[in-house]
Amino acid sequence: MKYLLLIYGDEQAWDEAGREQCYEESAQLARQIKSSGQYLAAAPLHPTSTATSVRVRGGKRLVTDGPFAETREQLGGYFLIDAKNLDEAIGIAARIPGARLGTVEIRPVMEIAGLPAD
């Protein structure tokens, strides 16, 4: 089953050196889980100051700068993995460096017909 591991944290919690270390550790984890066939994708996100939110209400498109909601923690990146079960996904999520200062939310990915294949 595919799981999306959403990495949330305070963007201000990392200094530049800590952020670079986090990226290096994340890349190392990605290589490790790729060797076991569990890695599908991963990427950090640019800061929330670069976000744009789009809503459609009453047929009208509303575009605003910034993230959808103001929160203490921001979505900072993700891993898309293939794991046998939730326990295996939890084991991988616990190894993500961002879990040390923030939260990793695990969401099963729905497989639906009609989407383009890789």
C-alpha atoms as a PDB file:
ATOM      1  CA  MET A   1       0.000   0.000   0.000  1.00  0.00           C
ATOM      2  CA  LYS A   2       1.151   3.532  -0.705  1.00  0.00           C
ATOM      3  CA  TYR A   3       1.447   6.001   2.161  1.00  0.00           C
ATOM      4  CA  LEU A   4       2.081   9.734   2.063  1.00  0.00           C
ATOM      5  CA  LEU A   5       4.203  10.904   4.985  1.00  0.00           C
ATOM      6  CA  LEU A   6       3.519  14.629   5.450  1.00  0.00           C
ATOM      7  CA  ILE A   7       6.226  16.442   7.407  1.00  0.00           C
ATOM      8  CA  TYR A   8       5.007  19.353   9.545  1.00  0.00           C
ATOM      9  CA  GLY A   9       7.122  21.665  11.638  1.00  0.00           C
ATOM     10  CA  ASP A  10       7.877  25.227  12.580  1.00  0.00           C
ATOM     11  CA  GLU A  11       9.777  26.772   9.656  1.00  0.00           C
ATOM     12  CA  GLN A  12      11.711  28.916  12.129  1.00  0.00           C
ATOM     13  CA  ALA A  13      12.869  25.929  14.231  1.00  0.00           C
ATOM     14  CA  TRP A  14      15.775  25.126  11.887  1.00  0.00           C
ATOM     15  CA  ASP A  15      18.780  27.328  11.275  1.00  0.00           C
ATOM     16  CA  GLU A  16      20.493  27.022   7.874  1.00  0.00           C
ATOM     17  CA  ALA A  17      23.031  24.435   9.093  1.00  0.00           C
ATOM     18  CA  GLY A  18      20.289  22.356  10.721  1.00  0.00           C
ATOM     19  CA  ARG A  19      18.156  22.541   7.581  1.00  0.00           C
ATOM     20  CA  GLU A  20      21.066  21.355   5.410  1.00  0.00           C
ATOM     21  CA  GLN A  21      21.741  18.494   7.851  1.00  0.00           C
ATOM     22  CA  CYS A  22      18.052  17.569   7.699  1.00  0.00           C
ATOM     23  CA  TYR A  23      18.187  17.469   3.876  1.00  0.00           C
ATOM     24  CA  GLU A  24      21.306  15.274   3.955  1.00  0.00           C
ATOM     25  CA  GLU A  25      19.738  12.852   6.443  1.00  0.00           C
ATOM     26  CA  SER A  26      16.492  12.778   4.444  1.00  0.00           C
ATOM     27  CA  ALA A  27      18.394  11.960   1.241  1.00  0.00           C
ATOM     28  CA  GLN A  28      20.227   9.183   3.076  1.00  0.00           C
ATOM     29  CA  LEU A  29      16.910   7.770   4.331  1.00  0.00           C
ATOM     30  CA  ALA A  30      15.489   7.962   0.797  1.00  0.00           C
ATOM     31  CA  ARG A  31      18.457   5.938  -0.510  1.00  0.00           C
ATOM     32  CA  GLN A  32      18.014   3.365   2.258  1.00  0.00           C
ATOM     33  CA  ILE A  33      14.314   2.811   1.632  1.00  0.00           C
ATOM     34  CA  LYS A  34      14.883   2.810  -2.145  1.00  0.00           C
ATOM     35  CA  SER A  35      17.192  -0.178  -1.730  1.00  0.00           C
ATOM     36  CA  SER A  36      14.324  -2.046  -0.026  1.00  0.00           C
ATOM     37  CA  GLY A  37      11.820  -1.017  -2.732  1.00  0.00           C
ATOM     38  CA  GLN A  38       9.784   1.245  -0.440  1.00  0.00           C
ATOM     39  CA  TYR A  39      10.790   4.656  -1.843  1.00  0.00           C
ATOM     40  CA  LEU A  40       8.488   6.270  -4.411  1.00  0.00           C
ATOM     41  CA  ALA A  41       9.200  10.022  -4.024  1.00  0.00           C
ATOM     42  CA  ALA A  42      10.249  12.710  -1.552  1.00  0.00           C
ATOM     43  CA  ALA A  43      10.839  16.453  -1.574  1.00  0.00           C
ATOM     44  CA  PRO A  44      11.059  19.432   0.743  1.00  0.00           C
ATOM     45  CA  LEU A  45       8.768  22.372   0.064  1.00  0.00           C
ATOM     46  CA  HIS A  46       9.655  26.035  -0.232  1.00  0.00           C
ATOM     47  CA  PRO A  47       8.570  28.181   2.766  1.00  0.00           C
ATOM     48  CA  THR A  48       4.899  29.025   3.265  1.00  0.00           C
ATOM     49  CA  SER A  49       5.683  32.602   2.219  1.00  0.00           C
ATOM     50  CA  THR A  50       5.811  31.255  -1.364  1.00  0.00           C
ATOM     51  CA  ALA A  51       2.443  29.483  -1.111  1.00  0.00           C
ATOM     52  CA  THR A  52      -0.652  30.373  -3.091  1.00  0.00           C
ATOM     53  CA  SER A  53      -4.096  29.046  -2.162  1.00  0.00           C
ATOM     54  CA  VAL A  54      -6.928  28.546  -4.646  1.00  0.00           C
ATOM     55  CA  ARG A  55     -10.596  28.089  -3.805  1.00  0.00           C
ATOM     56  CA  VAL A  56     -13.620  27.995  -6.070  1.00  0.00           C
ATOM     57  CA  ARG A  57     -16.842  29.260  -4.490  1.00  0.00           C
ATOM     58  CA  GLY A  58     -20.036  29.867  -6.423  1.00  0.00           C
ATOM     59  CA  GLY A  59     -18.142  29.223  -9.648  1.00  0.00           C
ATOM     60  CA  LYS A  60     -15.640  32.000  -8.895  1.00  0.00           C
ATOM     61  CA  ARG A  61     -11.954  31.370  -8.424  1.00  0.00           C
ATOM     62  CA  LEU A  62     -10.438  32.957  -5.310  1.00  0.00           C
ATOM     63  CA  VAL A  63      -6.641  33.145  -5.218  1.00  0.00           C
ATOM     64  CA  THR A  64      -4.813  34.279  -2.085  1.00  0.00           C
ATOM     65  CA  ASP A  65      -1.169  34.500  -1.117  1.00  0.00           C
ATOM     66  CA  GLY A  66      -0.009  32.214   1.625  1.00  0.00           C
ATOM     67  CA  PRO A  67      -0.997  28.815   2.960  1.00  0.00           C
ATOM     68  CA  PHE A  68      -4.564  27.643   3.471  1.00  0.00           C
ATOM     69  CA  ALA A  69      -4.462  28.154   7.248  1.00  0.00           C
ATOM     70  CA  GLU A  70      -2.311  29.925   9.791  1.00  0.00           C
ATOM     71  CA  THR A  71      -0.952  27.252  12.114  1.00  0.00           C
ATOM     72  CA  ARG A  72       1.912  26.700  14.513  1.00  0.00           C
ATOM     73  CA  GLU A  73       3.363  24.017  12.236  1.00  0.00           C
ATOM     74  CA  GLN A  74       3.649  24.229   8.460  1.00  0.00           C
ATOM     75  CA  LEU A  75       3.803  21.511   5.823  1.00  0.00           C
ATOM     76  CA  GLY A  76       7.480  21.334   4.961  1.00  0.00           C
ATOM     77  CA  GLY A  77       7.830  18.273   2.756  1.00  0.00           C
ATOM     78  CA  TYR A  78       6.785  14.711   2.097  1.00  0.00           C
ATOM     79  CA  PHE A  79       7.831  11.143   1.450  1.00  0.00           C
ATOM     80  CA  LEU A  80       5.688   8.884  -0.730  1.00  0.00           C
ATOM     81  CA  ILE A  81       6.399   5.280   0.209  1.00  0.00           C
ATOM     82  CA  ASP A  82       5.209   1.749  -0.466  1.00  0.00           C
ATOM     83  CA  ALA A  83       4.819  -0.165   2.792  1.00  0.00           C
ATOM     84  CA  LYS A  84       3.239  -3.504   3.706  1.00  0.00           C
ATOM     85  CA  ASN A  85       1.127  -1.952   6.447  1.00  0.00           C
ATOM     86  CA  LEU A  86       0.729   1.001   8.793  1.00  0.00           C
ATOM     87  CA  ASP A  87       3.303  -0.358  11.255  1.00  0.00           C
ATOM     88  CA  GLU A  88       5.949  -0.413   8.531  1.00  0.00           C
ATOM     89  CA  ALA A  89       4.977   3.148   7.491  1.00  0.00           C
ATOM     90  CA  ILE A  90       5.259   4.282  11.126  1.00  0.00           C
ATOM     91  CA  GLY A  91       8.761   2.802  11.298  1.00  0.00           C
ATOM     92  CA  ILE A  92       9.845   4.838   8.273  1.00  0.00           C
ATOM     93  CA  ALA A  93       8.088   8.006   9.492  1.00  0.00           C
ATOM     94  CA  ALA A  94       9.969   7.791  12.788  1.00  0.00           C
ATOM     95  CA  ARG A  95      13.274   7.880  10.858  1.00  0.00           C
ATOM     96  CA  ILE A  96      12.460  11.158   9.068  1.00  0.00           C
ATOM     97  CA  PRO A  97      14.606  13.950  10.587  1.00  0.00           C
ATOM     98  CA  GLY A  98      11.660  16.359  10.664  1.00  0.00           C
ATOM     99  CA  ALA A  99       9.927  14.122  13.211  1.00  0.00           C
ATOM    100  CA  ARG A 100      12.483  15.237  15.820  1.00  0.00           C
ATOM    101  CA  LEU A 101      11.235  18.851  15.827  1.00  0.00           C
ATOM    102  CA  GLY A 102       7.802  18.492  14.272  1.00  0.00           C
ATOM    103  CA  THR A 103       5.182  15.939  13.293  1.00  0.00           C
ATOM    104  CA  VAL A 104       4.923  13.395  10.492  1.00  0.00           C
ATOM    105  CA  GLU A 105       1.334  12.676   9.472  1.00  0.00           C
ATOM    106  CA  ILE A 106       0.810   9.314   7.764  1.00  0.00           C
ATOM    107  CA  ARG A 107      -1.986   9.070   5.205  1.00  0.00           C
ATOM    108  CA  PRO A 108      -2.843   6.010   3.105  1.00  0.00           C
ATOM    109  CA  VAL A 109      -3.069   6.903  -0.583  1.00  0.00           C
ATOM    110  CA  MET A 110      -6.265   5.915  -2.422  1.00  0.00           C
ATOM    111  CA  GLU A 111      -5.809   4.114  -5.681  1.00  0.00           C
ATOM    112  CA  ILE A 112      -8.525   5.152  -8.152  1.00  0.00           C
ATOM    113  CA  ALA A 113      -9.085   4.081 -11.733  1.00  0.00           C
ATOM    114  CA  GLY A 114      -8.509   6.490 -14.594  1.00  0.00           C
ATOM    115  CA  LEU A 115      -5.407   8.293 -13.324  1.00  0.00           C
ATOM    116  CA  PRO A 116      -2.407   8.359 -15.671  1.00  0.00           C
ATOM    117  CA  ALA A 117       0.185   5.659 -15.010  1.00  0.00           C
ATOM    118  CA  ASP A 118       3.824   6.545 -14.308  1.00  0.00           C
END
